[in-house]
C-alpha atoms as a PDB file:
ATOM      1  CA  MET A   1      -8.526 -14.345  38.657  1.00  0.00           C
ATOM      2  CA  ASN A   2      -7.085 -16.746  36.058  1.00  0.00           C
ATOM      3  CA  ALA A   3      -3.394 -16.595  34.954  1.00  0.00           C
ATOM      4  CA  PRO A   4      -3.180 -16.017  30.937  1.00  0.00           C
ATOM      5  CA  LEU A   5      -3.259 -19.015  28.971  1.00  0.00           C
ATOM      6  CA  HIS A   6       0.002 -19.983  27.729  1.00  0.00           C
ATOM      7  CA  ASN A   7      -0.031 -21.996  24.040  1.00  0.00           C
ATOM      8  CA  PRO A   8       3.054 -24.419  24.296  1.00  0.00           C
ATOM      9  CA  HIS A   9       2.884 -24.621  20.278  1.00  0.00           C
ATOM     10  CA  ALA A  10       3.019 -20.612  19.764  1.00  0.00           C
ATOM     11  CA  PRO A  11       6.268 -19.862  17.789  1.00  0.00           C
ATOM     12  CA  GLU A  12       8.773 -18.370  19.115  1.00  0.00           C
ATOM     13  CA  ASP A  13       9.680 -14.826  18.444  1.00  0.00           C
ATOM     14  CA  ILE A  14      12.117 -14.592  15.513  1.00  0.00           C
ATOM     15  CA  ALA A  15      14.364 -11.612  15.538  1.00  0.00           C
ATOM     16  CA  PHE A  16      15.001 -10.107  11.876  1.00  0.00           C
ATOM     17  CA  ALA A  17      16.135  -6.897  10.165  1.00  0.00           C
ATOM     18  CA  LEU A  18      15.022  -4.896   6.759  1.00  0.00           C
ATOM     19  CA  GLU A  19      14.940  -1.747   5.109  1.00  0.00           C
ATOM     20  CA  LEU A  20      11.729   0.426   5.792  1.00  0.00           C
ATOM     21  CA  ASN A  21      11.336   3.918   4.015  1.00  0.00           C
ATOM     22  CA  GLY A  22      15.259   4.234   3.166  1.00  0.00           C
ATOM     23  CA  GLN A  23      16.567   3.003   7.174  1.00  0.00           C
ATOM     24  CA  PRO A  24      17.795  -0.250   8.317  1.00  0.00           C
ATOM     25  CA  VAL A  25      15.546  -1.451  11.213  1.00  0.00           C
ATOM     26  CA  GLN A  26      15.100  -4.814  13.428  1.00  0.00           C
ATOM     27  CA  VAL A  27      12.762  -6.045  15.201  1.00  0.00           C
ATOM     28  CA  THR A  28      11.593  -8.796  17.213  1.00  0.00           C
ATOM     29  CA  CYS A  29       8.295 -10.547  16.914  1.00  0.00           C
ATOM     30  CA  PRO A  30       6.342 -13.897  16.692  1.00  0.00           C
ATOM     31  CA  PRO A  31       6.933 -15.158  13.272  1.00  0.00           C
ATOM     32  CA  ASP A  32       3.246 -14.798  11.995  1.00  0.00           C
ATOM     33  CA  THR A  33       2.928 -11.114  12.563  1.00  0.00           C
ATOM     34  CA  ARG A  34       1.239  -9.349   9.888  1.00  0.00           C
ATOM     35  CA  LEU A  35       3.295  -6.577   8.071  1.00  0.00           C
ATOM     36  CA  LEU A  36       0.459  -4.047   8.319  1.00  0.00           C
ATOM     37  CA  THR A  37       0.537  -4.809  12.246  1.00  0.00           C
ATOM     38  CA  LEU A  38       4.130  -3.845  12.901  1.00  0.00           C
ATOM     39  CA  LEU A  39       3.592  -0.910  10.459  1.00  0.00           C
ATOM     40  CA  ARG A  40       0.735   0.667  12.411  1.00  0.00           C
ATOM     41  CA  GLU A  41       1.696  -0.700  16.235  1.00  0.00           C
ATOM     42  CA  HIS A  42       5.474  -1.129  16.428  1.00  0.00           C
ATOM     43  CA  TRP A  43       6.341   1.760  14.081  1.00  0.00           C
ATOM     44  CA  GLN A  44       3.461   3.747  13.985  1.00  0.00           C
ATOM     45  CA  LEU A  45       2.927   4.312  10.397  1.00  0.00           C
ATOM     46  CA  THR A  46      -0.575   4.449  10.300  1.00  0.00           C
ATOM     47  CA  GLY A  47      -0.666   5.249   6.172  1.00  0.00           C
ATOM     48  CA  ALA A  48      -1.499   1.576   5.522  1.00  0.00           C
ATOM     49  CA  LYS A  49      -4.877   1.017   6.005  1.00  0.00           C
ATOM     50  CA  PRO A  50      -6.474  -2.363   7.537  1.00  0.00           C
ATOM     51  CA  GLY A  51      -9.306  -3.098   5.129  1.00  0.00           C
ATOM     52  CA  CYS A  52     -10.324  -6.154   4.297  1.00  0.00           C
ATOM     53  CA  GLU A  53      -7.154  -7.474   5.772  1.00  0.00           C
ATOM     54  CA  VAL A  54      -7.161 -10.746   2.776  1.00  0.00           C
ATOM     55  CA  GLY A  55      -5.353  -8.928   0.053  1.00  0.00           C
ATOM     56  CA  ARG A  56      -8.560  -7.679  -1.449  1.00  0.00           C
ATOM     57  CA  CYS A  57      -8.763  -3.989  -0.921  1.00  0.00           C
ATOM     58  CA  GLY A  58      -5.643  -2.569  -1.194  1.00  0.00           C
ATOM     59  CA  ALA A  59      -5.877  -0.050   1.152  1.00  0.00           C
ATOM     60  CA  CYS A  60      -3.012  -1.477   3.201  1.00  0.00           C
ATOM     61  CA  MET A  61      -0.476  -1.505  -0.333  1.00  0.00           C
ATOM     62  CA  VAL A  62       3.329  -0.896   0.203  1.00  0.00           C
ATOM     63  CA  TRP A  63       6.255  -1.332  -1.550  1.00  0.00           C
ATOM     64  CA  LEU A  64       8.197  -4.946  -1.182  1.00  0.00           C
ATOM     65  CA  ASN A  65      11.548  -4.815  -2.834  1.00  0.00           C
ATOM     66  CA  ASP A  66       9.703  -1.911  -5.280  1.00  0.00           C
ATOM     67  CA  ALA A  67       6.956  -3.669  -6.380  1.00  0.00           C
ATOM     68  CA  PRO A  68       3.183  -2.985  -4.707  1.00  0.00           C
ATOM     69  CA  ALA A  69       2.401  -5.843  -1.975  1.00  0.00           C
ATOM     70  CA  ASN A  70      -0.573  -5.751   0.369  1.00  0.00           C
ATOM     71  CA  ALA A  71       1.140  -5.595   3.902  1.00  0.00           C
ATOM     72  CA  CYS A  72      -1.895  -7.553   5.455  1.00  0.00           C
ATOM     73  CA  LEU A  73      -0.362 -10.976   3.630  1.00  0.00           C
ATOM     74  CA  LEU A  74       3.161 -10.311   4.407  1.00  0.00           C
ATOM     75  CA  MET A  75       4.314 -12.177   7.400  1.00  0.00           C
ATOM     76  CA  ALA A  76       7.175 -11.473   9.855  1.00  0.00           C
ATOM     77  CA  TRP A  77       8.965 -14.160   8.856  1.00  0.00           C
ATOM     78  CA  GLN A  78       9.012 -13.229   4.824  1.00  0.00           C
ATOM     79  CA  LEU A  79      10.511 -10.210   5.642  1.00  0.00           C
ATOM     80  CA  GLN A  80      14.203 -10.824   6.906  1.00  0.00           C
ATOM     81  CA  GLY A  81      16.323  -8.599   4.234  1.00  0.00           C
ATOM     82  CA  GLN A  82      13.423  -6.768   2.270  1.00  0.00           C
ATOM     83  CA  ARG A  83      12.961  -3.465   1.467  1.00  0.00           C
ATOM     84  CA  VAL A  84       9.423  -1.842   2.407  1.00  0.00           C
ATOM     85  CA  ARG A  85       8.402   1.430   1.524  1.00  0.00           C
ATOM     86  CA  THR A  86       4.955   2.911   2.969  1.00  0.00           C
ATOM     87  CA  ILE A  87       3.063   5.929   1.774  1.00  0.00           C
ATOM     88  CA  GLU A  88       5.035   7.961   4.638  1.00  0.00           C
ATOM     89  CA  SER A  89       8.392   7.959   2.597  1.00  0.00           C
ATOM     90  CA  LEU A  90       6.506   8.130  -0.949  1.00  0.00           C
ATOM     91  CA  ALA A  91       4.011  11.063  -0.217  1.00  0.00           C
ATOM     92  CA  THR A  92       6.747  13.384   0.027  1.00  0.00           C
ATOM     93  CA  SER A  93       8.804  12.532  -2.903  1.00  0.00           C
ATOM     94  CA  PRO A  94       8.881  13.936  -6.446  1.00  0.00           C
ATOM     95  CA  GLU A  95       7.741  10.474  -8.077  1.00  0.00           C
ATOM     96  CA  CYS A  96       4.721  10.851  -6.295  1.00  0.00           C
ATOM     97  CA  ALA A  97       3.715  14.366  -6.978  1.00  0.00           C
ATOM     98  CA  PRO A  98       2.454  13.713 -10.433  1.00  0.00           C
ATOM     99  CA  VAL A  99      -0.218  10.993  -8.964  1.00  0.00           C
ATOM    100  CA  GLN A 100      -0.950  13.447  -5.756  1.00  0.00           C
ATOM    101  CA  GLN A 101      -1.913  16.084  -8.672  1.00  0.00           C
ATOM    102  CA  ALA A 102      -4.112  14.043 -10.638  1.00  0.00           C
ATOM    103  CA  LEU A 103      -5.799  12.402  -8.199  1.00  0.00           C
ATOM    104  CA  ALA A 104      -6.897  15.916  -6.698  1.00  0.00           C
ATOM    105  CA  THR A 105      -7.692  17.678 -10.175  1.00  0.00           C
ATOM    106  CA  CYS A 106      -9.958  15.228 -11.261  1.00  0.00           C
ATOM    107  CA  GLY A 107     -11.731  14.401  -8.002  1.00  0.00           C
ATOM    108  CA  GLY A 108      -9.918  11.226  -7.362  1.00  0.00           C
ATOM    109  CA  VAL A 109     -10.448  11.362  -3.426  1.00  0.00           C
ATOM    110  CA  GLN A 110     -12.930  11.612  -0.809  1.00  0.00           C
ATOM    111  CA  CYS A 111     -12.829  10.318   2.512  1.00  0.00           C
ATOM    112  CA  GLY A 112      -9.070   9.715   2.033  1.00  0.00           C
ATOM    113  CA  TYR A 113      -8.954   5.620   3.607  1.00  0.00           C
ATOM    114  CA  CYS A 114      -8.111   3.992   0.626  1.00  0.00           C
ATOM    115  CA  THR A 115      -5.689   7.196  -0.754  1.00  0.00           C
ATOM    116  CA  SER A 116      -2.427   5.615   0.709  1.00  0.00           C
ATOM    117  CA  GLY A 117      -3.182   2.408  -1.263  1.00  0.00           C
ATOM    118  CA  MET A 118      -4.242   3.918  -4.199  1.00  0.00           C
ATOM    119  CA  LEU A 119      -1.335   6.336  -4.544  1.00  0.00           C
ATOM    120  CA  MET A 120       1.413   3.157  -3.888  1.00  0.00           C
ATOM    121  CA  ASN A 121      -0.117   1.555  -6.648  1.00  0.00           C
ATOM    122  CA  MET A 122      -0.438   4.528  -9.145  1.00  0.00           C
ATOM    123  CA  THR A 123       3.001   5.761  -8.153  1.00  0.00           C
ATOM    124  CA  TRP A 124       4.336   2.251  -9.177  1.00  0.00           C
ATOM    125  CA  LEU A 125       2.185   1.721 -12.672  1.00  0.00           C
ATOM    126  CA  HIS A 126       3.503   5.628 -13.735  1.00  0.00           C
ATOM    127  CA  GLN A 127       7.109   4.708 -12.764  1.00  0.00           C
ATOM    128  CA  GLN A 128       7.225   1.440 -15.072  1.00  0.00           C
ATOM    129  CA  GLN A 129       9.056   1.033 -18.472  1.00  0.00           C
ATOM    130  CA  PRO A 130       7.111   0.862 -20.799  1.00  0.00           C
ATOM    131  CA  ARG A 131       4.495   2.715 -19.061  1.00  0.00           C
ATOM    132  CA  PRO A 132       0.890   1.042 -19.175  1.00  0.00           C
ATOM    133  CA  SER A 133      -1.971   2.341 -21.563  1.00  0.00           C
ATOM    134  CA  ALA A 134      -4.842   3.896 -19.615  1.00  0.00           C
ATOM    135  CA  ASP A 135      -7.023   0.905 -19.988  1.00  0.00           C
ATOM    136  CA  GLU A 136      -3.845  -1.493 -18.550  1.00  0.00           C
ATOM    137  CA  ALA A 137      -3.671   1.077 -15.606  1.00  0.00           C
ATOM    138  CA  ILE A 138      -7.161   1.235 -14.844  1.00  0.00           C
ATOM    139  CA  GLU A 139      -7.183  -2.982 -14.991  1.00  0.00           C
ATOM    140  CA  LEU A 140      -3.903  -2.878 -13.058  1.00  0.00           C
ATOM    141  CA  MET A 141      -5.847  -0.537 -10.622  1.00  0.00           C
ATOM    142  CA  SER A 142      -8.842  -3.291  -9.654  1.00  0.00           C
ATOM    143  CA  GLY A 143      -7.029  -4.448  -6.575  1.00  0.00           C
ATOM    144  CA  ASN A 144      -7.690  -1.226  -5.235  1.00  0.00           C
ATOM    145  CA  LEU A 145     -11.481  -0.665  -3.744  1.00  0.00           C
ATOM    146  CA  CYS A 146     -12.818   2.711  -2.881  1.00  0.00           C
ATOM    147  CA  ARG A 147     -16.341   2.884  -1.424  1.00  0.00           C
ATOM    148  CA  CYS A 148     -16.807   6.586  -1.812  1.00  0.00           C
ATOM    149  CA  THR A 149     -16.113   8.197  -4.839  1.00  0.00           C
ATOM    150  CA  GLY A 150     -17.608   6.027  -7.398  1.00  0.00           C
ATOM    151  CA  TYR A 151     -14.300   5.614  -9.120  1.00  0.00           C
ATOM    152  CA  GLY A 152     -15.304   8.179 -11.477  1.00  0.00           C
ATOM    153  CA  GLY A 153     -12.584  10.810 -10.306  1.00  0.00           C
ATOM    154  CA  ILE A 154     -10.008   7.774 -10.070  1.00  0.00           C
ATOM    155  CA  ARG A 155     -10.648   6.683 -13.806  1.00  0.00           C
ATOM    156  CA  ARG A 156     -10.120   9.937 -14.919  1.00  0.00           C
ATOM    157  CA  ALA A 157      -6.914  10.502 -13.185  1.00  0.00           C
ATOM    158  CA  VAL A 158      -5.776   7.126 -14.317  1.00  0.00           C
ATOM    159  CA  GLU A 159      -6.662   8.511 -17.721  1.00  0.00           C
ATOM    160  CA  GLN A 160      -4.576  12.008 -17.120  1.00  0.00           C
ATOM    161  CA  LEU A 161      -1.317   9.987 -16.139  1.00  0.00           C
ATOM    162  CA  PHE A 162      -1.777   7.457 -18.574  1.00  0.00           C
ATOM    163  CA  GLY A 163      -2.965   9.286 -22.053  1.00  0.00           C
ATOM    164  CA  GLY A 164      -6.376   7.919 -21.918  1.00  0.00           C
ATOM    165  CA  ASP A 165      -9.792   9.200 -23.077  1.00  0.00           C
ATOM    166  CA  GLN A 166     -10.172  12.525 -21.717  1.00  0.00           C
ATOM    167  CA  SER A 167     -13.655  12.714 -22.386  1.00  0.00           C
ATOM    168  CA  TYR A 168     -14.822  10.397 -19.742  1.00  0.00           C
ATOM    169  CA  SER A 169     -16.982  11.512 -17.318  1.00  0.00           C
ATOM    170  CA  ALA A 170     -18.601   9.470 -14.180  1.00  0.00           C
END
C-alpha cells in the first residue's frame, strides 16, 4: 500500500474569522478552499448549490457584504473579516417573503435547484433604492440560470415585483 502523496508546495492552512448569517465564526482551511465547499461541507449549509462552479449559473449565490456573489468563485483567503449571508438565513426573513410569494404565485419554481440563487438575487434587487425597473431586473437576473422553468414564471415574478408588463405569458 502506498503512503498518501504529500505536496511540499501546497499552501499551509489559514485560520480566519468572518460573519456567517449574522454570527461570528472561525475556520481553519487551505487558502484555496472555495466558500461553496466551506458552506456545504464545514457548516452543512446546503442551500447554495454546486452548478457550473465557474460563476455562470448563480445556483451558489450568497451575499458577500450585502451584495450578491457566487460562492464558487470566492476563496477562503478572501473571506477574512467579511460578512456572508446564505439562503438559510434569508429564506425565513420578512425581506424575502415578497420574492417567495411572487415566485410561487407566478410558477417560477419547478425542481428547486436554482431557487436559492434566484431568491438571493431577486431579494437583493428588490431591496435596492432606487428599485430597478422590471426590464433592468430581468437583465440583472441573467446570471441565474434555470433549466426547468423556461423562464416564463421567473419573468412573471420579476415583473410582478418590479412593476413590469403583467400580460406577459410564457
